[in-house]
Amino acid sequence: MSQLAHAKSFRDLLVYQKSRELARYVFELFVAFPRDEIYSLTSQIRRSSCSVGAQIAEAWAKRRYEKHFVSKLTDADGEQMETQHWLESAVDFGYLSSDRVAAGLERCAEIGRLLGSMIAKAHLFCNPDFSSVREEPAEYLEAVSKMVRIGHTPGRSVANGLERRTMGNSRTAYSNQGSPCGWKRSSET
């Protein structure tokens, strides 16, 4: 088996590319279907075949969390299996020959194998270096992190207008004195 290049985007994934080919194949296969099937069989198979690639793209976005990544890949696998069902149903209803559907079923099976391999090796895809996140960290998180690093002890502290007081009997009160909404939260245990 040849060595594949490291994917920088979901578009680089072989399984995603194959899912796009499947969606095009299904669209072309069902373009001449009867009008009375447009809202049932045709729309269902088009939706499920297009959803395979969409689920893979969502999985790629959730690589930071391995369980979410696997969940979305599992959804993609479910969609390719649903596509197999609709292809076989088209044969059962006499709309397509089994010869015409065989190529689609093989494409689905190949996508299923690739997804299964990705699920089994999810740890290789997940938790990449997210130090180049597009979003800047919130100011209050930076202030709290700085307070923790310098060893600030519980008591009375202020970070960006957020005041935290720890009182004697395990009660904690939060207030944002400078907030235009004037929110306050207090909890007692």
Protein backbone atom coordinates (compact mmCIF):
# COMPACT_ATOMS: atom_id res chain seq x y z
CA MET A 1 0.00 0.00 0.00
CA SER A 2 1.42 3.39 -0.95
CA GLN A 3 2.16 6.00 1.67
CA LEU A 4 -0.43 8.81 1.63
CA ALA A 5 0.47 12.41 2.37
CA HIS A 6 -0.62 13.94 5.67
CA ALA A 7 -4.04 15.57 5.28
CA LYS A 8 -4.20 19.26 6.03
CA SER A 9 -7.94 19.48 5.38
CA PHE A 10 -10.90 17.12 5.18
CA ARG A 11 -10.75 17.71 1.41
CA ASP A 12 -7.39 15.89 1.38
CA LEU A 13 -8.90 12.71 2.86
CA LEU A 14 -9.31 9.89 0.35
CA VAL A 15 -12.56 8.84 2.01
CA TYR A 16 -13.99 12.36 1.57
CA GLN A 17 -13.02 12.42 -2.10
CA LYS A 18 -14.65 9.02 -2.61
CA SER A 19 -17.81 10.20 -0.83
CA ARG A 20 -18.05 13.10 -3.28
CA GLU A 21 -17.69 10.64 -6.17
CA LEU A 22 -20.49 8.54 -4.66
CA ALA A 23 -22.78 11.57 -4.39
CA ARG A 24 -22.14 12.48 -8.06
CA TYR A 25 -22.72 8.85 -9.11
CA VAL A 26 -26.03 8.70 -7.23
CA PHE A 27 -27.17 12.03 -8.65
CA GLU A 28 -26.46 10.88 -12.21
CA LEU A 29 -28.06 7.50 -11.59
CA PHE A 30 -31.30 8.97 -10.26
CA VAL A 31 -31.62 12.04 -12.53
CA ALA A 32 -34.05 10.27 -14.86
CA PHE A 33 -36.26 8.79 -12.14
CA PRO A 34 -40.04 9.21 -12.38
CA ARG A 35 -41.46 12.48 -10.99
CA ASP A 36 -43.63 10.61 -8.47
CA GLU A 37 -40.44 9.31 -6.81
CA ILE A 38 -38.80 12.71 -6.46
CA TYR A 39 -40.02 13.22 -2.88
CA SER A 40 -39.45 9.71 -1.64
CA LEU A 41 -36.78 7.41 -3.04
CA THR A 42 -34.87 10.01 -5.05
CA SER A 43 -34.68 12.63 -2.31
CA GLN A 44 -33.79 10.03 0.33
CA ILE A 45 -30.87 8.56 -1.59
CA ARG A 46 -29.57 11.95 -2.65
CA ARG A 47 -29.71 13.17 0.95
CA SER A 48 -27.99 10.09 2.37
CA SER A 49 -25.26 10.00 -0.29
CA CYS A 50 -24.49 13.71 0.15
CA SER A 51 -24.54 13.37 3.91
CA VAL A 52 -21.60 10.94 3.90
CA GLY A 53 -19.18 13.69 2.88
CA ALA A 54 -20.82 16.24 5.16
CA GLN A 55 -20.39 13.94 8.17
CA ILE A 56 -16.72 13.38 7.29
CA ALA A 57 -16.19 17.16 7.11
CA GLU A 58 -17.86 17.56 10.51
CA ALA A 59 -15.71 14.78 11.95
CA TRP A 60 -12.61 16.59 10.74
CA ALA A 61 -13.75 19.74 12.54
CA LYS A 62 -14.18 17.75 15.76
CA ARG A 63 -10.73 16.09 15.77
CA ARG A 64 -9.91 17.84 19.00
CA TYR A 65 -12.26 15.43 20.77
CA GLU A 66 -11.72 11.81 19.80
CA LYS A 67 -15.18 10.62 20.88
CA HIS A 68 -16.88 13.33 18.81
CA PHE A 69 -14.64 12.50 15.86
CA VAL A 70 -15.56 8.81 16.07
CA SER A 71 -19.24 9.66 16.53
CA LYS A 72 -19.33 11.71 13.32
CA LEU A 73 -17.43 9.05 11.39
CA THR A 74 -19.95 6.50 12.67
CA ASP A 75 -22.74 8.77 11.39
CA ALA A 76 -20.99 8.90 7.99
CA ASP A 77 -20.82 5.10 7.97
CA GLY A 78 -24.52 4.94 8.78
CA GLU A 79 -25.28 7.26 5.86
CA GLN A 80 -23.30 5.12 3.41
CA MET A 81 -25.21 2.07 4.65
CA GLU A 82 -28.48 3.95 4.17
CA THR A 83 -27.35 4.76 0.62
CA GLN A 84 -26.79 1.03 0.04
CA HIS A 85 -30.33 0.37 1.26
CA TRP A 86 -31.85 2.91 -1.15
CA LEU A 87 -29.79 1.56 -4.06
CA GLU A 88 -31.05 -1.95 -3.34
CA SER A 89 -34.59 -0.61 -2.97
CA ALA A 90 -34.37 0.94 -6.44
CA VAL A 91 -33.58 -2.54 -7.79
CA ASP A 92 -36.42 -4.09 -5.77
CA PHE A 93 -38.90 -1.54 -7.16
CA GLY A 94 -37.71 -2.19 -10.72
CA TYR A 95 -36.28 1.29 -11.34
CA LEU A 96 -32.68 0.13 -11.82
CA SER A 97 -30.95 -3.09 -12.80
CA SER A 98 -28.69 -4.81 -10.30
CA ASP A 99 -25.81 -4.33 -12.78
CA ARG A 100 -26.20 -0.53 -12.67
CA VAL A 101 -26.41 -0.53 -8.88
CA ALA A 102 -23.40 -2.84 -8.33
CA ALA A 103 -20.87 -0.03 -8.88
CA GLY A 104 -22.63 2.16 -6.32
CA LEU A 105 -22.74 -0.64 -3.77
CA GLU A 106 -19.01 -1.23 -4.27
CA ARG A 107 -18.29 2.48 -3.77
CA CYS A 108 -20.30 2.41 -0.56
CA ALA A 109 -18.47 -0.67 0.68
CA GLU A 110 -15.09 0.95 -0.03
CA ILE A 111 -16.12 4.10 1.85
CA GLY A 112 -17.27 1.88 4.72
CA ARG A 113 -13.88 0.15 4.85
CA LEU A 114 -12.04 3.49 4.85
CA LEU A 115 -14.29 4.87 7.59
CA GLY A 116 -13.80 1.70 9.65
CA SER A 117 -10.06 2.11 9.37
CA MET A 118 -10.26 5.77 10.42
CA ILE A 119 -12.43 4.85 13.41
CA ALA A 120 -9.98 2.13 14.46
CA LYS A 121 -7.08 4.60 14.18
CA ALA A 122 -8.88 7.69 15.45
CA HIS A 123 -6.05 8.52 17.84
CA LEU A 124 -3.81 9.19 14.83
CA PHE A 125 -6.24 11.83 13.53
CA CYS A 126 -7.24 13.45 16.80
CA ASN A 127 -5.81 16.03 19.16
CA PRO A 128 -3.63 17.83 16.64
CA ASP A 129 -1.72 20.95 17.65
CA PHE A 130 -4.39 23.58 18.06
CA SER A 131 -1.96 26.36 18.99
CA SER A 132 -2.88 28.15 15.78
CA VAL A 133 -6.56 28.49 16.63
CA ARG A 134 -8.11 31.43 14.78
CA GLU A 135 -9.85 32.70 17.88
CA GLU A 136 -7.99 34.63 20.54
CA PRO A 137 -8.41 33.40 24.13
CA ALA A 138 -10.85 35.38 26.25
CA GLU A 139 -9.27 38.09 28.39
CA TYR A 140 -10.71 36.76 31.63
CA LEU A 141 -9.13 33.35 30.99
CA GLU A 142 -5.76 34.98 30.49
CA ALA A 143 -6.20 36.97 33.73
CA VAL A 144 -7.25 33.91 35.73
CA SER A 145 -4.40 31.88 34.23
CA LYS A 146 -1.95 34.62 35.19
CA MET A 147 -3.33 34.72 38.75
CA VAL A 148 -2.91 30.96 39.09
CA ARG A 149 0.67 31.12 37.75
CA ILE A 150 1.69 33.76 40.30
CA GLY A 151 0.16 31.73 43.11
CA HIS A 152 -2.73 34.00 44.02
CA THR A 153 -4.53 32.53 47.02
CA PRO A 154 -8.28 32.43 47.59
CA GLY A 155 -9.81 35.44 49.20
CA ARG A 156 -10.80 38.60 47.46
CA SER A 157 -9.54 39.08 43.89
CA VAL A 158 -10.61 41.03 40.85
CA ALA A 159 -9.97 39.96 37.23
CA ASN A 160 -11.39 42.19 34.50
CA GLY A 161 -14.24 43.42 36.66
CA LEU A 162 -15.20 39.91 37.82
CA GLU A 163 -15.11 39.77 41.58
CA ARG A 164 -14.90 36.51 43.50
CA ARG A 165 -15.21 36.33 47.24
CA THR A 166 -14.90 33.17 49.25
CA MET A 167 -16.73 33.39 52.54
CA GLY A 168 -16.28 31.35 55.65
CA ASN A 169 -18.93 28.63 55.33
CA SER A 170 -18.21 27.38 51.76
CA ARG A 171 -20.34 30.05 50.11
CA THR A 172 -19.06 31.70 46.97
CA ALA A 173 -20.52 34.86 45.49
CA TYR A 174 -19.83 36.17 42.00
CA SER A 175 -20.64 39.61 40.72
CA ASN A 176 -19.69 41.76 37.80
CA GLN A 177 -19.86 45.24 39.22
CA GLY A 178 -19.06 46.93 35.92
CA SER A 179 -21.52 44.87 33.86
CA PRO A 180 -24.29 46.73 32.04
CA CYS A 181 -26.51 43.69 32.63
CA GLY A 182 -25.68 43.67 36.32
CA TRP A 183 -25.63 39.86 36.56
CA LYS A 184 -24.85 38.26 39.84
CA ARG A 185 -24.61 34.67 40.92
CA SER A 186 -24.30 33.26 44.33
CA SER A 187 -24.33 29.66 45.45
CA GLU A 188 -24.59 28.15 48.87
CA THR A 189 -23.72 24.63 49.88
